[in-house]
Amino acid sequence: MIAQPRRMEWSGLSLSIAVVLAMGSIALASLVAGRAPLSADRAFEALPAVAERTLSMHLASMDEAIARNDPSRAVFEWRDAYGVALRSRRWDAMAAVGDAALRIDTATSAPTGHPTGFRAEARQAYLKALLDARAAGSLEGIERIAASFAALGDTHMAAQARALAKR
């Protein structure tokens, strides 16, 4: 009988230990090289610039898809832009996504002028933008969102936002 070589099998514990050791080795190597790892604060500071560039790219791609009469691609790009804006927690990013939803609604509305579901998406984005503007203490943001609600035809939310700006 020929002896079969033993295969090395990783149990959950040994795999976890290997991952921890690898991460520790990488951290140690970066410290030895004289470079401190990127702190959470520094990483968060770098996020807005990257998020802004990514958001702009998705919105530009969405507008190109609208121009090509490709609503599926436009919606795909809009959803990616929404995710970027949501992660950024910036009112201006979410307001831009709300405006973009209205562009999709206009482009995909039936010839009779009936709106599509993207007016609801715009409203949701504006609500999130209002909350973010309020959290940031941005009077400019609150007023901008109030105007967006008014343009959307939601006079009740426009009045609520304006009342919030006066507080």
N, C-alpha and C. Protein backbone atom coordinates (compact mmCIF):
# COMPACT_ATOMS: atom_id res chain seq x y z
N MET A 1 0.84 -1.18 0.00
CA MET A 1 0.00 0.00 0.00
C MET A 1 0.88 1.24 0.00
N ILE A 2 0.58 2.13 -0.91
CA ILE A 2 1.36 3.36 -1.03
C ILE A 2 0.76 4.40 -0.09
N ALA A 3 1.63 5.05 0.66
CA ALA A 3 1.16 6.07 1.62
C ALA A 3 0.76 7.32 0.86
N GLN A 4 -0.39 7.80 1.17
CA GLN A 4 -0.88 9.04 0.56
C GLN A 4 -0.33 10.23 1.35
N PRO A 5 0.13 11.26 0.66
CA PRO A 5 0.59 12.44 1.40
C PRO A 5 -0.59 13.10 2.09
N ARG A 6 -0.33 13.59 3.28
CA ARG A 6 -1.39 14.25 4.04
C ARG A 6 -1.61 15.65 3.49
N ARG A 7 -2.87 15.96 3.32
CA ARG A 7 -3.20 17.31 2.89
C ARG A 7 -3.34 18.18 4.12
N MET A 8 -2.88 19.39 3.99
CA MET A 8 -3.01 20.32 5.09
C MET A 8 -4.41 20.89 5.06
N GLU A 9 -5.11 20.78 6.14
CA GLU A 9 -6.46 21.31 6.23
C GLU A 9 -6.46 22.44 7.25
N TRP A 10 -7.14 23.48 6.87
CA TRP A 10 -7.22 24.65 7.75
C TRP A 10 -8.52 24.59 8.54
N SER A 11 -8.38 24.62 9.83
CA SER A 11 -9.59 24.73 10.65
C SER A 11 -9.91 26.22 10.79
N GLY A 12 -11.07 26.53 11.28
CA GLY A 12 -11.46 27.94 11.44
C GLY A 12 -10.49 28.70 12.33
N LEU A 13 -10.03 28.07 13.41
CA LEU A 13 -9.13 28.73 14.35
C LEU A 13 -7.77 28.97 13.71
N SER A 14 -7.22 27.97 13.04
CA SER A 14 -5.89 28.16 12.44
C SER A 14 -5.93 29.18 11.31
N LEU A 15 -7.04 29.26 10.59
CA LEU A 15 -7.17 30.26 9.54
C LEU A 15 -7.24 31.66 10.15
N SER A 16 -7.96 31.79 11.24
CA SER A 16 -8.05 33.09 11.93
C SER A 16 -6.68 33.52 12.43
N ILE A 17 -5.93 32.59 12.99
CA ILE A 17 -4.59 32.92 13.49
C ILE A 17 -3.69 33.35 12.33
N ALA A 18 -3.80 32.67 11.20
CA ALA A 18 -2.99 33.02 10.03
C ALA A 18 -3.31 34.43 9.54
N VAL A 19 -4.59 34.78 9.53
CA VAL A 19 -5.00 36.11 9.08
C VAL A 19 -4.47 37.17 10.04
N VAL A 20 -4.59 36.94 11.34
CA VAL A 20 -4.10 37.91 12.34
C VAL A 20 -2.59 38.07 12.21
N LEU A 21 -1.87 36.98 12.04
CA LEU A 21 -0.41 37.07 11.88
C LEU A 21 -0.04 37.85 10.61
N ALA A 22 -0.76 37.61 9.53
CA ALA A 22 -0.47 38.33 8.28
C ALA A 22 -0.72 39.81 8.44
N MET A 23 -1.82 40.17 9.09
CA MET A 23 -2.12 41.59 9.29
C MET A 23 -1.09 42.24 10.20
N GLY A 24 -0.67 41.52 11.23
CA GLY A 24 0.35 42.05 12.13
C GLY A 24 1.67 42.25 11.41
N SER A 25 2.01 41.31 10.53
CA SER A 25 3.25 41.43 9.76
C SER A 25 3.23 42.66 8.85
N ILE A 26 2.08 42.92 8.24
CA ILE A 26 1.96 44.09 7.36
C ILE A 26 2.09 45.37 8.17
N ALA A 27 1.43 45.42 9.33
CA ALA A 27 1.52 46.61 10.19
C ALA A 27 2.94 46.83 10.67
N LEU A 28 3.61 45.75 11.07
CA LEU A 28 4.99 45.85 11.53
C LEU A 28 5.91 46.32 10.41
N ALA A 29 5.71 45.79 9.22
CA ALA A 29 6.54 46.19 8.08
C ALA A 29 6.36 47.66 7.76
N SER A 30 5.14 48.18 7.87
CA SER A 30 4.93 49.60 7.58
C SER A 30 5.56 50.48 8.65
N LEU A 31 5.54 50.03 9.90
CA LEU A 31 6.18 50.80 10.97
C LEU A 31 7.69 50.80 10.81
N VAL A 32 8.25 49.64 10.47
CA VAL A 32 9.69 49.53 10.27
C VAL A 32 10.12 50.40 9.10
N ALA A 33 9.32 50.48 8.08
CA ALA A 33 9.64 51.29 6.91
C ALA A 33 9.50 52.78 7.21
N GLY A 34 9.01 53.12 8.38
CA GLY A 34 8.91 54.53 8.76
C GLY A 34 7.60 55.18 8.35
N ARG A 35 6.66 54.41 7.90
CA ARG A 35 5.37 54.95 7.51
C ARG A 35 4.31 54.43 8.47
N ALA A 36 3.67 55.35 9.14
CA ALA A 36 2.58 54.95 10.04
C ALA A 36 1.37 54.61 9.18
N PRO A 37 0.61 53.63 9.59
CA PRO A 37 -0.60 53.31 8.82
C PRO A 37 -1.58 54.48 8.84
N LEU A 38 -2.42 54.54 7.84
CA LEU A 38 -3.41 55.60 7.73
C LEU A 38 -4.40 55.50 8.87
N SER A 39 -4.51 56.55 9.68
CA SER A 39 -5.44 56.52 10.79
C SER A 39 -6.87 56.66 10.29
N ALA A 40 -7.82 56.31 11.14
CA ALA A 40 -9.22 56.42 10.75
C ALA A 40 -9.59 57.86 10.47
N ASP A 41 -9.06 58.80 11.25
CA ASP A 41 -9.36 60.21 11.03
C ASP A 41 -8.83 60.69 9.69
N ARG A 42 -7.60 60.33 9.35
CA ARG A 42 -7.02 60.74 8.08
C ARG A 42 -7.75 60.09 6.91
N ALA A 43 -8.18 58.86 7.08
CA ALA A 43 -8.93 58.17 6.02
C ALA A 43 -10.27 58.85 5.80
N PHE A 44 -10.94 59.28 6.87
CA PHE A 44 -12.23 59.94 6.74
C PHE A 44 -12.08 61.30 6.08
N GLU A 45 -10.99 62.02 6.38
CA GLU A 45 -10.76 63.32 5.75
C GLU A 45 -10.56 63.18 4.25
N ALA A 46 -9.96 62.09 3.82
CA ALA A 46 -9.72 61.87 2.39
C ALA A 46 -10.98 61.45 1.66
N LEU A 47 -11.97 60.94 2.39
CA LEU A 47 -13.18 60.42 1.76
C LEU A 47 -13.96 61.44 0.95
N PRO A 48 -14.21 62.67 1.47
CA PRO A 48 -15.05 63.58 0.70
C PRO A 48 -14.54 63.88 -0.71
N ALA A 49 -13.24 64.05 -0.87
CA ALA A 49 -12.72 64.35 -2.21
C ALA A 49 -12.94 63.17 -3.15
N VAL A 50 -12.69 61.97 -2.66
CA VAL A 50 -12.89 60.78 -3.47
C VAL A 50 -14.38 60.59 -3.76
N ALA A 51 -15.21 60.78 -2.73
CA ALA A 51 -16.66 60.62 -2.91
C ALA A 51 -17.20 61.63 -3.90
N GLU A 52 -16.70 62.86 -3.83
CA GLU A 52 -17.17 63.90 -4.75
C GLU A 52 -16.82 63.55 -6.19
N ARG A 53 -15.60 63.08 -6.39
CA ARG A 53 -15.17 62.70 -7.74
C ARG A 53 -15.98 61.51 -8.24
N THR A 54 -16.20 60.51 -7.38
CA THR A 54 -16.97 59.33 -7.76
C THR A 54 -18.42 59.70 -8.04
N LEU A 55 -19.00 60.55 -7.21
CA LEU A 55 -20.37 61.00 -7.41
C LEU A 55 -20.50 61.72 -8.75
N SER A 56 -19.57 62.60 -9.04
CA SER A 56 -19.59 63.33 -10.31
C SER A 56 -19.50 62.38 -11.49
N MET A 57 -18.67 61.35 -11.37
CA MET A 57 -18.52 60.38 -12.46
C MET A 57 -19.83 59.62 -12.70
N HIS A 58 -20.48 59.19 -11.61
CA HIS A 58 -21.74 58.45 -11.77
C HIS A 58 -22.83 59.34 -12.36
N LEU A 59 -22.90 60.58 -11.89
CA LEU A 59 -23.94 61.48 -12.41
C LEU A 59 -23.68 61.83 -13.87
N ALA A 60 -22.42 62.01 -14.24
CA ALA A 60 -22.10 62.27 -15.65
C ALA A 60 -22.46 61.07 -16.52
N SER A 61 -22.15 59.87 -16.03
CA SER A 61 -22.51 58.65 -16.78
C SER A 61 -24.03 58.52 -16.89
N MET A 62 -24.74 58.90 -15.83
CA MET A 62 -26.19 58.85 -15.86
C MET A 62 -26.73 59.81 -16.92
N ASP A 63 -26.20 61.03 -16.95
CA ASP A 63 -26.65 62.01 -17.95
C ASP A 63 -26.35 61.54 -19.37
N GLU A 64 -25.20 60.90 -19.57
CA GLU A 64 -24.87 60.35 -20.88
C GLU A 64 -25.86 59.26 -21.28
N ALA A 65 -26.22 58.42 -20.31
CA ALA A 65 -27.19 57.35 -20.59
C ALA A 65 -28.56 57.94 -20.94
N ILE A 66 -28.95 59.01 -20.27
CA ILE A 66 -30.21 59.68 -20.59
C ILE A 66 -30.15 60.22 -22.02
N ALA A 67 -29.02 60.83 -22.38
CA ALA A 67 -28.86 61.38 -23.73
C ALA A 67 -28.91 60.29 -24.79
N ARG A 68 -28.42 59.07 -24.47
CA ARG A 68 -28.45 57.94 -25.40
C ARG A 68 -29.79 57.22 -25.37
N ASN A 69 -30.71 57.68 -24.54
CA ASN A 69 -32.01 57.05 -24.36
C ASN A 69 -31.85 55.61 -23.84
N ASP A 70 -31.00 55.48 -22.81
CA ASP A 70 -30.73 54.19 -22.18
C ASP A 70 -31.15 54.28 -20.71
N PRO A 71 -32.47 54.15 -20.45
CA PRO A 71 -32.94 54.34 -19.08
C PRO A 71 -32.41 53.31 -18.09
N SER A 72 -32.16 52.10 -18.52
CA SER A 72 -31.64 51.08 -17.61
C SER A 72 -30.28 51.49 -17.07
N ARG A 73 -29.42 51.95 -17.98
CA ARG A 73 -28.07 52.38 -17.56
C ARG A 73 -28.16 53.63 -16.69
N ALA A 74 -29.07 54.53 -17.03
CA ALA A 74 -29.24 55.75 -16.24
C ALA A 74 -29.64 55.42 -14.81
N VAL A 75 -30.56 54.49 -14.65
CA VAL A 75 -31.00 54.08 -13.31
C VAL A 75 -29.87 53.39 -12.57
N PHE A 76 -29.11 52.55 -13.26
CA PHE A 76 -27.97 51.87 -12.66
C PHE A 76 -26.97 52.89 -12.11
N GLU A 77 -26.62 53.88 -12.92
CA GLU A 77 -25.66 54.90 -12.49
C GLU A 77 -26.23 55.75 -11.36
N TRP A 78 -27.54 56.03 -11.43
CA TRP A 78 -28.17 56.82 -10.37
C TRP A 78 -28.09 56.07 -9.04
N ARG A 79 -28.36 54.79 -9.07
CA ARG A 79 -28.31 54.00 -7.83
C ARG A 79 -26.90 53.99 -7.24
N ASP A 80 -25.89 53.88 -8.09
CA ASP A 80 -24.52 53.95 -7.60
C ASP A 80 -24.22 55.33 -7.01
N ALA A 81 -24.71 56.38 -7.67
CA ALA A 81 -24.51 57.73 -7.16
C ALA A 81 -25.20 57.91 -5.81
N TYR A 82 -26.39 57.32 -5.68
CA TYR A 82 -27.12 57.40 -4.41
C TYR A 82 -26.31 56.76 -3.29
N GLY A 83 -25.71 55.62 -3.56
CA GLY A 83 -24.88 54.95 -2.57
C GLY A 83 -23.69 55.79 -2.14
N VAL A 84 -23.04 56.43 -3.10
CA VAL A 84 -21.90 57.30 -2.79
C VAL A 84 -22.37 58.48 -1.95
N ALA A 85 -23.47 59.09 -2.33
CA ALA A 85 -24.00 60.24 -1.58
C ALA A 85 -24.41 59.82 -0.17
N LEU A 86 -24.99 58.68 -0.04
CA LEU A 86 -25.41 58.19 1.27
C LEU A 86 -24.21 57.98 2.18
N ARG A 87 -23.15 57.39 1.65
CA ARG A 87 -21.95 57.17 2.45
C ARG A 87 -21.23 58.46 2.80
N SER A 88 -21.36 59.47 1.95
CA SER A 88 -20.65 60.73 2.21
C SER A 88 -21.29 61.52 3.35
N ARG A 89 -22.58 61.31 3.59
CA ARG A 89 -23.33 62.02 4.63
C ARG A 89 -23.32 63.53 4.42
N ARG A 90 -23.24 63.94 3.17
CA ARG A 90 -23.22 65.37 2.85
C ARG A 90 -24.55 65.75 2.20
N TRP A 91 -25.13 66.84 2.66
CA TRP A 91 -26.44 67.26 2.15
C TRP A 91 -26.35 67.63 0.67
N ASP A 92 -25.26 68.27 0.28
CA ASP A 92 -25.15 68.71 -1.11
C ASP A 92 -25.05 67.52 -2.07
N ALA A 93 -24.41 66.46 -1.63
CA ALA A 93 -24.31 65.26 -2.47
C ALA A 93 -25.69 64.62 -2.63
N MET A 94 -26.44 64.53 -1.54
CA MET A 94 -27.77 63.92 -1.62
C MET A 94 -28.73 64.81 -2.41
N ALA A 95 -28.58 66.14 -2.30
CA ALA A 95 -29.42 67.05 -3.10
C ALA A 95 -29.13 66.87 -4.59
N ALA A 96 -27.86 66.68 -4.94
CA ALA A 96 -27.50 66.45 -6.35
C ALA A 96 -28.12 65.15 -6.86
N VAL A 97 -28.18 64.14 -6.01
CA VAL A 97 -28.80 62.87 -6.39
C VAL A 97 -30.31 63.04 -6.55
N GLY A 98 -30.91 63.87 -5.70
CA GLY A 98 -32.34 64.16 -5.85
C GLY A 98 -32.62 64.86 -7.17
N ASP A 99 -31.78 65.84 -7.52
CA ASP A 99 -31.93 66.54 -8.79
C ASP A 99 -31.77 65.57 -9.97
N ALA A 100 -30.82 64.63 -9.82
CA ALA A 100 -30.60 63.64 -10.88
C ALA A 100 -31.82 62.73 -11.04
N ALA A 101 -32.46 62.39 -9.93
CA ALA A 101 -33.67 61.55 -10.00
C ALA A 101 -34.75 62.27 -10.79
N LEU A 102 -34.84 63.58 -10.64
CA LEU A 102 -35.83 64.33 -11.41
C LEU A 102 -35.50 64.33 -12.90
N ARG A 103 -34.20 64.34 -13.23
CA ARG A 103 -33.82 64.27 -14.64
C ARG A 103 -34.21 62.93 -15.24
N ILE A 104 -34.05 61.86 -14.46
CA ILE A 104 -34.48 60.54 -14.95
C ILE A 104 -35.99 60.52 -15.11
N ASP A 105 -36.70 61.09 -14.14
CA ASP A 105 -38.16 61.12 -14.21
C ASP A 105 -38.63 61.85 -15.47
N THR A 106 -38.01 62.97 -15.75
CA THR A 106 -38.38 63.74 -16.94
C THR A 106 -38.09 62.95 -18.21
N ALA A 107 -36.94 62.28 -18.24
CA ALA A 107 -36.55 61.54 -19.44
C ALA A 107 -37.40 60.29 -19.66
N THR A 108 -37.89 59.70 -18.61
CA THR A 108 -38.62 58.44 -18.76
C THR A 108 -40.12 58.58 -18.61
N SER A 109 -40.61 59.79 -18.41
CA SER A 109 -42.06 59.99 -18.29
C SER A 109 -42.74 59.68 -19.61
N ALA A 110 -43.94 59.20 -19.49
CA ALA A 110 -44.73 58.88 -20.68
C ALA A 110 -45.03 60.17 -21.45
N PRO A 111 -45.32 60.06 -22.72
CA PRO A 111 -45.63 61.25 -23.52
C PRO A 111 -46.79 62.07 -22.95
N THR A 112 -47.64 61.43 -22.18
CA THR A 112 -48.77 62.16 -21.59
C THR A 112 -48.34 63.03 -20.43
N GLY A 113 -47.07 62.92 -20.03
CA GLY A 113 -46.56 63.76 -18.96
C GLY A 113 -46.72 63.16 -17.57
N HIS A 114 -47.17 61.90 -17.50
CA HIS A 114 -47.32 61.27 -16.20
C HIS A 114 -45.93 60.98 -15.63
N PRO A 115 -45.70 61.35 -14.38
CA PRO A 115 -44.38 61.12 -13.80
C PRO A 115 -44.15 59.64 -13.52
N THR A 116 -42.88 59.27 -13.48
CA THR A 116 -42.52 57.90 -13.11
C THR A 116 -42.25 57.86 -11.62
N GLY A 117 -41.79 56.74 -11.15
CA GLY A 117 -41.48 56.58 -9.73
C GLY A 117 -40.27 57.35 -9.27
N PHE A 118 -39.56 57.97 -10.19
CA PHE A 118 -38.35 58.67 -9.78
C PHE A 118 -38.63 60.00 -9.08
N ARG A 119 -39.85 60.49 -9.14
CA ARG A 119 -40.20 61.66 -8.32
C ARG A 119 -40.17 61.25 -6.85
N ALA A 120 -40.61 60.03 -6.57
CA ALA A 120 -40.55 59.52 -5.20
C ALA A 120 -39.10 59.35 -4.74
N GLU A 121 -38.24 58.89 -5.66
CA GLU A 121 -36.82 58.75 -5.33
C GLU A 121 -36.21 60.11 -5.04
N ALA A 122 -36.60 61.12 -5.82
CA ALA A 122 -36.11 62.48 -5.59
C ALA A 122 -36.55 62.98 -4.22
N ARG A 123 -37.81 62.74 -3.89
CA ARG A 123 -38.33 63.18 -2.60
C ARG A 123 -37.55 62.53 -1.46
N GLN A 124 -37.29 61.23 -1.57
CA GLN A 124 -36.52 60.54 -0.53
C GLN A 124 -35.11 61.12 -0.41
N ALA A 125 -34.49 61.40 -1.54
CA ALA A 125 -33.14 61.98 -1.51
C ALA A 125 -33.17 63.37 -0.87
N TYR A 126 -34.20 64.16 -1.18
CA TYR A 126 -34.31 65.48 -0.58
C TYR A 126 -34.56 65.40 0.92
N LEU A 127 -35.35 64.42 1.35
CA LEU A 127 -35.57 64.23 2.80
C LEU A 127 -34.25 63.92 3.50
N LYS A 128 -33.47 63.02 2.92
CA LYS A 128 -32.17 62.68 3.51
C LYS A 128 -31.25 63.89 3.49
N ALA A 129 -31.28 64.66 2.42
CA ALA A 129 -30.45 65.86 2.33
C ALA A 129 -30.86 66.88 3.40
N LEU A 130 -32.15 67.00 3.64
CA LEU A 130 -32.63 67.91 4.68
C LEU A 130 -32.12 67.49 6.05
N LEU A 131 -32.20 66.21 6.34
CA LEU A 131 -31.69 65.71 7.62
C LEU A 131 -30.18 65.95 7.75
N ASP A 132 -29.45 65.73 6.67
CA ASP A 132 -28.00 65.95 6.70
C ASP A 132 -27.67 67.44 6.86
N ALA A 133 -28.43 68.30 6.18
CA ALA A 133 -28.19 69.75 6.30
C ALA A 133 -28.49 70.22 7.72
N ARG A 134 -29.55 69.68 8.28
CA ARG A 134 -29.89 70.05 9.67
C ARG A 134 -28.80 69.58 10.62
N ALA A 135 -28.32 68.34 10.45
CA ALA A 135 -27.26 67.81 11.31
C ALA A 135 -25.98 68.62 11.18
N ALA A 136 -25.71 69.12 9.97
CA ALA A 136 -24.51 69.92 9.74
C ALA A 136 -24.70 71.37 10.17
N GLY A 137 -25.93 71.75 10.49
CA GLY A 137 -26.21 73.14 10.86
C GLY A 137 -26.08 74.08 9.67
N SER A 138 -26.38 73.58 8.48
CA SER A 138 -26.22 74.37 7.26
C SER A 138 -27.54 75.05 6.89
N LEU A 139 -27.62 76.34 7.16
CA LEU A 139 -28.81 77.11 6.78
C LEU A 139 -28.94 77.15 5.26
N GLU A 140 -27.81 77.28 4.58
CA GLU A 140 -27.81 77.26 3.11
C GLU A 140 -28.40 75.95 2.58
N GLY A 141 -28.01 74.83 3.20
CA GLY A 141 -28.51 73.54 2.77
C GLY A 141 -30.00 73.39 3.00
N ILE A 142 -30.46 73.84 4.15
CA ILE A 142 -31.89 73.74 4.46
C ILE A 142 -32.70 74.57 3.48
N GLU A 143 -32.23 75.78 3.17
CA GLU A 143 -32.94 76.64 2.22
C GLU A 143 -32.92 76.04 0.81
N ARG A 144 -31.80 75.43 0.44
CA ARG A 144 -31.67 74.80 -0.88
C ARG A 144 -32.66 73.64 -1.01
N ILE A 145 -32.78 72.86 0.05
CA ILE A 145 -33.68 71.71 0.02
C ILE A 145 -35.14 72.18 0.04
N ALA A 146 -35.42 73.26 0.76
CA ALA A 146 -36.79 73.81 0.76
C ALA A 146 -37.18 74.21 -0.67
N ALA A 147 -36.25 74.83 -1.39
CA ALA A 147 -36.52 75.21 -2.78
C ALA A 147 -36.71 73.98 -3.66
N SER A 148 -35.96 72.92 -3.38
CA SER A 148 -36.11 71.68 -4.15
C SER A 148 -37.47 71.04 -3.93
N PHE A 149 -37.93 71.04 -2.68
CA PHE A 149 -39.26 70.51 -2.40
C PHE A 149 -40.33 71.35 -3.09
N ALA A 150 -40.15 72.66 -3.09
CA ALA A 150 -41.11 73.54 -3.76
C ALA A 150 -41.14 73.25 -5.26
N ALA A 151 -39.97 73.07 -5.87
CA ALA A 151 -39.91 72.76 -7.31
C ALA A 151 -40.53 71.39 -7.60
N LEU A 152 -40.46 70.49 -6.65
CA LEU A 152 -41.05 69.17 -6.79
C LEU A 152 -42.57 69.22 -6.67
N GLY A 153 -43.06 70.32 -6.11
CA GLY A 153 -44.50 70.47 -5.92
C GLY A 153 -44.96 70.06 -4.53
N ASP A 154 -44.01 69.76 -3.67
CA ASP A 154 -44.32 69.35 -2.30
C ASP A 154 -44.27 70.58 -1.40
N THR A 155 -45.35 71.35 -1.43
CA THR A 155 -45.38 72.62 -0.68
C THR A 155 -45.36 72.39 0.82
N HIS A 156 -45.92 71.29 1.28
CA HIS A 156 -45.91 70.99 2.71
C HIS A 156 -44.49 70.82 3.23
N MET A 157 -43.68 70.00 2.54
CA MET A 157 -42.30 69.79 2.98
C MET A 157 -41.46 71.04 2.78
N ALA A 158 -41.76 71.83 1.75
CA ALA A 158 -41.04 73.09 1.55
C ALA A 158 -41.28 74.01 2.74
N ALA A 159 -42.53 74.08 3.19
CA ALA A 159 -42.86 74.92 4.35
C ALA A 159 -42.20 74.39 5.61
N GLN A 160 -42.18 73.07 5.78
CA GLN A 160 -41.53 72.47 6.95
C GLN A 160 -40.04 72.80 6.96
N ALA A 161 -39.41 72.71 5.80
CA ALA A 161 -37.98 73.00 5.72
C ALA A 161 -37.71 74.47 6.01
N ARG A 162 -38.54 75.34 5.47
CA ARG A 162 -38.36 76.78 5.73
C ARG A 162 -38.56 77.10 7.22
N ALA A 163 -39.51 76.43 7.85
CA ALA A 163 -39.71 76.62 9.29
C ALA A 163 -38.50 76.13 10.06
N LEU A 164 -37.89 75.06 9.59
CA LEU A 164 -36.69 74.52 10.24
C LEU A 164 -35.54 75.51 10.10
N ALA A 165 -35.48 76.21 8.98
CA ALA A 165 -34.41 77.18 8.75
C ALA A 165 -34.53 78.38 9.68
N LYS A 166 -35.76 78.68 10.11
CA LYS A 166 -35.98 79.85 10.97
C LYS A 166 -35.64 79.58 12.42
N ARG A 167 -35.52 78.33 12.79
CA ARG A 167 -35.22 77.98 14.19
C ARG A 167 -33.80 78.28 14.56
